[in-house]
Amino acid sequence: MRRLVGENFARLRKACGLTQEQVSERSGFSQQYLSGLEKGYRNPTVITLFELATCLETTPDEFLRGVTPDKKPDPPSSSLSAPLP
């Protein structure tokens, strides 16, 4: 899921003709955060998605485009998960 959000963020940002630095200036999020988001390393909150969507003049659901019922979400990053048999 993080990867999908990152890919969609990058697509939307580029469609607006903006660099990460420009989005950073407009949104208040650091360029490093935005880079991590695009790479699928960040797990944005709903509020973050709303603020970025506002900055890109779109809606938060655009970050989730391409989700299909067959697509498995990214595994949890927590090491507390029990290993699968």
N, C-alpha and C. Protein backbone atom coordinates (compact mmCIF):
# COMPACT_ATOMS: atom_id res chain seq x y z
N MET A 1 0.83 -1.19 0.00
CA MET A 1 0.00 0.00 0.00
C MET A 1 0.88 1.26 0.00
N ARG A 2 1.96 1.24 0.80
CA ARG A 2 2.85 2.40 0.83
C ARG A 2 3.44 2.66 -0.56
N ARG A 3 3.79 1.58 -1.25
CA ARG A 3 4.37 1.71 -2.59
C ARG A 3 3.36 2.35 -3.55
N LEU A 4 2.11 1.91 -3.47
CA LEU A 4 1.07 2.45 -4.34
C LEU A 4 0.85 3.94 -4.08
N VAL A 5 0.77 4.32 -2.82
CA VAL A 5 0.59 5.73 -2.47
C VAL A 5 1.78 6.54 -3.00
N GLY A 6 2.99 6.02 -2.84
CA GLY A 6 4.17 6.72 -3.32
C GLY A 6 4.18 6.89 -4.83
N GLU A 7 3.82 5.84 -5.55
CA GLU A 7 3.76 5.92 -7.02
C GLU A 7 2.72 6.93 -7.47
N ASN A 8 1.56 6.90 -6.82
CA ASN A 8 0.51 7.85 -7.19
C ASN A 8 0.90 9.28 -6.83
N PHE A 9 1.56 9.47 -5.69
CA PHE A 9 2.02 10.81 -5.33
C PHE A 9 2.99 11.34 -6.38
N ALA A 10 3.95 10.51 -6.78
CA ALA A 10 4.93 10.93 -7.79
C ALA A 10 4.23 11.27 -9.11
N ARG A 11 3.27 10.44 -9.52
CA ARG A 11 2.54 10.67 -10.76
C ARG A 11 1.78 12.00 -10.70
N LEU A 12 1.07 12.22 -9.61
CA LEU A 12 0.29 13.45 -9.47
C LEU A 12 1.18 14.69 -9.39
N ARG A 13 2.29 14.56 -8.67
CA ARG A 13 3.22 15.69 -8.54
C ARG A 13 3.79 16.08 -9.90
N LYS A 14 4.20 15.07 -10.66
CA LYS A 14 4.77 15.34 -11.99
C LYS A 14 3.71 15.88 -12.95
N ALA A 15 2.47 15.40 -12.83
CA ALA A 15 1.38 15.90 -13.68
C ALA A 15 1.13 17.39 -13.43
N CYS A 16 1.41 17.83 -12.21
CA CYS A 16 1.28 19.25 -11.87
C CYS A 16 2.52 20.04 -12.28
N GLY A 17 3.55 19.34 -12.75
CA GLY A 17 4.78 20.02 -13.15
C GLY A 17 5.60 20.53 -11.98
N LEU A 18 5.49 19.84 -10.83
CA LEU A 18 6.18 20.29 -9.62
C LEU A 18 7.33 19.36 -9.25
N THR A 19 8.37 19.94 -8.69
CA THR A 19 9.46 19.15 -8.13
C THR A 19 9.12 18.83 -6.67
N GLN A 20 9.86 17.90 -6.10
CA GLN A 20 9.68 17.61 -4.68
C GLN A 20 9.94 18.87 -3.85
N GLU A 21 10.92 19.66 -4.25
CA GLU A 21 11.24 20.87 -3.52
C GLU A 21 10.07 21.86 -3.55
N GLN A 22 9.42 21.98 -4.70
CA GLN A 22 8.29 22.89 -4.80
C GLN A 22 7.12 22.42 -3.94
N VAL A 23 6.86 21.11 -3.94
CA VAL A 23 5.80 20.57 -3.09
C VAL A 23 6.17 20.79 -1.62
N SER A 24 7.44 20.63 -1.30
CA SER A 24 7.90 20.85 0.06
C SER A 24 7.61 22.28 0.51
N GLU A 25 7.92 23.24 -0.35
CA GLU A 25 7.67 24.64 -0.02
C GLU A 25 6.19 24.93 0.16
N ARG A 26 5.36 24.33 -0.67
CA ARG A 26 3.92 24.57 -0.61
C ARG A 26 3.24 23.85 0.55
N SER A 27 3.74 22.66 0.88
CA SER A 27 3.04 21.82 1.85
C SER A 27 3.61 21.91 3.26
N GLY A 28 4.90 22.25 3.37
CA GLY A 28 5.53 22.26 4.68
C GLY A 28 6.19 20.94 5.05
N PHE A 29 6.01 19.91 4.22
CA PHE A 29 6.70 18.64 4.44
C PHE A 29 8.11 18.74 3.86
N SER A 30 9.07 18.12 4.50
CA SER A 30 10.44 18.21 4.01
C SER A 30 10.60 17.45 2.69
N GLN A 31 11.58 17.86 1.91
CA GLN A 31 11.87 17.18 0.66
C GLN A 31 12.28 15.74 0.95
N GLN A 32 12.97 15.51 2.06
CA GLN A 32 13.39 14.16 2.43
C GLN A 32 12.17 13.28 2.73
N TYR A 33 11.17 13.85 3.40
CA TYR A 33 9.94 13.10 3.68
C TYR A 33 9.25 12.73 2.37
N LEU A 34 9.13 13.70 1.46
CA LEU A 34 8.45 13.47 0.19
C LEU A 34 9.19 12.43 -0.64
N SER A 35 10.51 12.45 -0.60
CA SER A 35 11.29 11.43 -1.31
C SER A 35 11.02 10.05 -0.74
N GLY A 36 11.01 9.95 0.57
CA GLY A 36 10.71 8.67 1.22
C GLY A 36 9.30 8.19 0.92
N LEU A 37 8.38 9.13 0.82
CA LEU A 37 7.00 8.79 0.48
C LEU A 37 6.93 8.21 -0.93
N GLU A 38 7.59 8.86 -1.88
CA GLU A 38 7.59 8.37 -3.26
C GLU A 38 8.24 6.99 -3.38
N LYS A 39 9.23 6.72 -2.57
CA LYS A 39 9.91 5.42 -2.61
C LYS A 39 9.15 4.34 -1.87
N GLY A 40 8.06 4.71 -1.21
CA GLY A 40 7.27 3.72 -0.47
C GLY A 40 7.81 3.42 0.91
N TYR A 41 8.68 4.28 1.42
CA TYR A 41 9.27 4.07 2.75
C TYR A 41 8.43 4.68 3.86
N ARG A 42 7.56 5.60 3.52
CA ARG A 42 6.77 6.32 4.53
C ARG A 42 5.34 5.80 4.56
N ASN A 43 4.74 5.88 5.72
CA ASN A 43 3.37 5.47 5.92
C ASN A 43 2.57 6.71 6.30
N PRO A 44 2.05 7.46 5.30
CA PRO A 44 1.41 8.74 5.60
C PRO A 44 0.07 8.57 6.31
N THR A 45 -0.24 9.55 7.14
CA THR A 45 -1.54 9.56 7.81
C THR A 45 -2.60 10.09 6.84
N VAL A 46 -3.84 9.94 7.23
CA VAL A 46 -4.94 10.49 6.44
C VAL A 46 -4.81 12.00 6.34
N ILE A 47 -4.39 12.63 7.40
CA ILE A 47 -4.21 14.09 7.40
C ILE A 47 -3.12 14.49 6.42
N THR A 48 -2.02 13.73 6.39
CA THR A 48 -0.93 14.01 5.45
C THR A 48 -1.45 13.89 4.02
N LEU A 49 -2.20 12.83 3.72
CA LEU A 49 -2.74 12.66 2.37
C LEU A 49 -3.68 13.81 2.01
N PHE A 50 -4.48 14.26 2.97
CA PHE A 50 -5.37 15.39 2.72
C PHE A 50 -4.56 16.65 2.40
N GLU A 51 -3.53 16.91 3.18
CA GLU A 51 -2.73 18.12 2.96
C GLU A 51 -1.98 18.07 1.63
N LEU A 52 -1.45 16.90 1.28
CA LEU A 52 -0.76 16.78 -0.01
C LEU A 52 -1.74 16.87 -1.17
N ALA A 53 -2.92 16.29 -1.01
CA ALA A 53 -3.93 16.39 -2.06
C ALA A 53 -4.34 17.84 -2.27
N THR A 54 -4.48 18.59 -1.19
CA THR A 54 -4.82 20.00 -1.29
C THR A 54 -3.72 20.75 -2.05
N CYS A 55 -2.48 20.45 -1.72
CA CYS A 55 -1.33 21.08 -2.38
C CYS A 55 -1.31 20.78 -3.88
N LEU A 56 -1.70 19.55 -4.25
CA LEU A 56 -1.68 19.13 -5.65
C LEU A 56 -3.02 19.35 -6.35
N GLU A 57 -3.94 20.00 -5.64
CA GLU A 57 -5.28 20.32 -6.18
C GLU A 57 -5.99 19.07 -6.68
N THR A 58 -6.03 18.06 -5.82
CA THR A 58 -6.71 16.81 -6.12
C THR A 58 -7.42 16.34 -4.85
N THR A 59 -7.84 15.11 -4.82
CA THR A 59 -8.51 14.56 -3.65
C THR A 59 -7.68 13.42 -3.07
N PRO A 60 -7.79 13.17 -1.78
CA PRO A 60 -6.96 12.13 -1.16
C PRO A 60 -7.14 10.74 -1.77
N ASP A 61 -8.32 10.44 -2.28
CA ASP A 61 -8.53 9.11 -2.86
C ASP A 61 -7.67 8.86 -4.10
N GLU A 62 -7.16 9.91 -4.72
CA GLU A 62 -6.28 9.74 -5.88
C GLU A 62 -4.99 8.99 -5.52
N PHE A 63 -4.58 9.08 -4.26
CA PHE A 63 -3.36 8.39 -3.83
C PHE A 63 -3.57 6.88 -3.75
N LEU A 64 -4.83 6.45 -3.76
CA LEU A 64 -5.14 5.02 -3.64
C LEU A 64 -5.60 4.42 -4.96
N ARG A 65 -5.52 5.16 -6.04
CA ARG A 65 -5.92 4.65 -7.35
C ARG A 65 -5.08 3.43 -7.70
N GLY A 66 -5.75 2.43 -8.23
CA GLY A 66 -5.04 1.23 -8.65
C GLY A 66 -5.15 0.10 -7.64
N VAL A 67 -5.81 0.33 -6.52
CA VAL A 67 -6.00 -0.73 -5.53
C VAL A 67 -7.00 -1.72 -6.10
N THR A 68 -6.62 -2.97 -6.11
CA THR A 68 -7.52 -4.02 -6.56
C THR A 68 -7.69 -5.04 -5.45
N PRO A 69 -8.82 -5.74 -5.43
CA PRO A 69 -9.03 -6.74 -4.38
C PRO A 69 -7.96 -7.83 -4.37
N ASP A 70 -7.34 -8.10 -5.52
CA ASP A 70 -6.32 -9.15 -5.60
C ASP A 70 -4.97 -8.71 -5.06
N LYS A 71 -4.76 -7.42 -4.97
CA LYS A 71 -3.46 -6.89 -4.56
C LYS A 71 -3.27 -7.05 -3.06
N LYS A 72 -2.18 -7.69 -2.67
CA LYS A 72 -1.88 -7.86 -1.25
C LYS A 72 -1.18 -6.61 -0.73
N PRO A 73 -1.53 -6.17 0.47
CA PRO A 73 -0.86 -5.00 1.04
C PRO A 73 0.57 -5.33 1.42
N ASP A 74 1.37 -4.29 1.59
CA ASP A 74 2.74 -4.47 2.06
C ASP A 74 2.69 -5.15 3.43
N PRO A 75 3.66 -6.02 3.72
CA PRO A 75 3.67 -6.63 5.05
C PRO A 75 3.95 -5.59 6.12
N PRO A 76 3.48 -5.83 7.33
CA PRO A 76 3.74 -4.87 8.40
C PRO A 76 5.24 -4.75 8.65
N SER A 77 5.66 -3.55 9.02
CA SER A 77 7.09 -3.33 9.26
C SER A 77 7.49 -3.67 10.68
N SER A 78 6.53 -4.06 11.48
CA SER A 78 6.81 -4.38 12.88
C SER A 78 7.51 -5.73 13.00
N SER A 79 8.48 -5.81 13.87
CA SER A 79 9.16 -7.09 14.11
C SER A 79 8.41 -7.93 15.14
N LEU A 80 7.27 -7.42 15.61
CA LEU A 80 6.50 -8.14 16.61
C LEU A 80 5.58 -9.18 15.97
N SER A 81 5.49 -9.20 14.66
CA SER A 81 4.62 -10.15 13.99
C SER A 81 5.17 -11.56 14.13
N ALA A 82 4.28 -12.49 14.35
CA ALA A 82 4.68 -13.89 14.45
C ALA A 82 5.00 -14.41 13.05
N PRO A 83 6.02 -15.24 12.92
CA PRO A 83 6.36 -15.78 11.60
C PRO A 83 5.26 -16.73 11.13
N LEU A 84 5.05 -16.74 9.84
CA LEU A 84 4.05 -17.63 9.27
C LEU A 84 4.60 -19.05 9.17
N PRO A 85 3.75 -20.05 9.36
CA PRO A 85 4.23 -21.45 9.27
C PRO A 85 4.61 -21.82 7.88
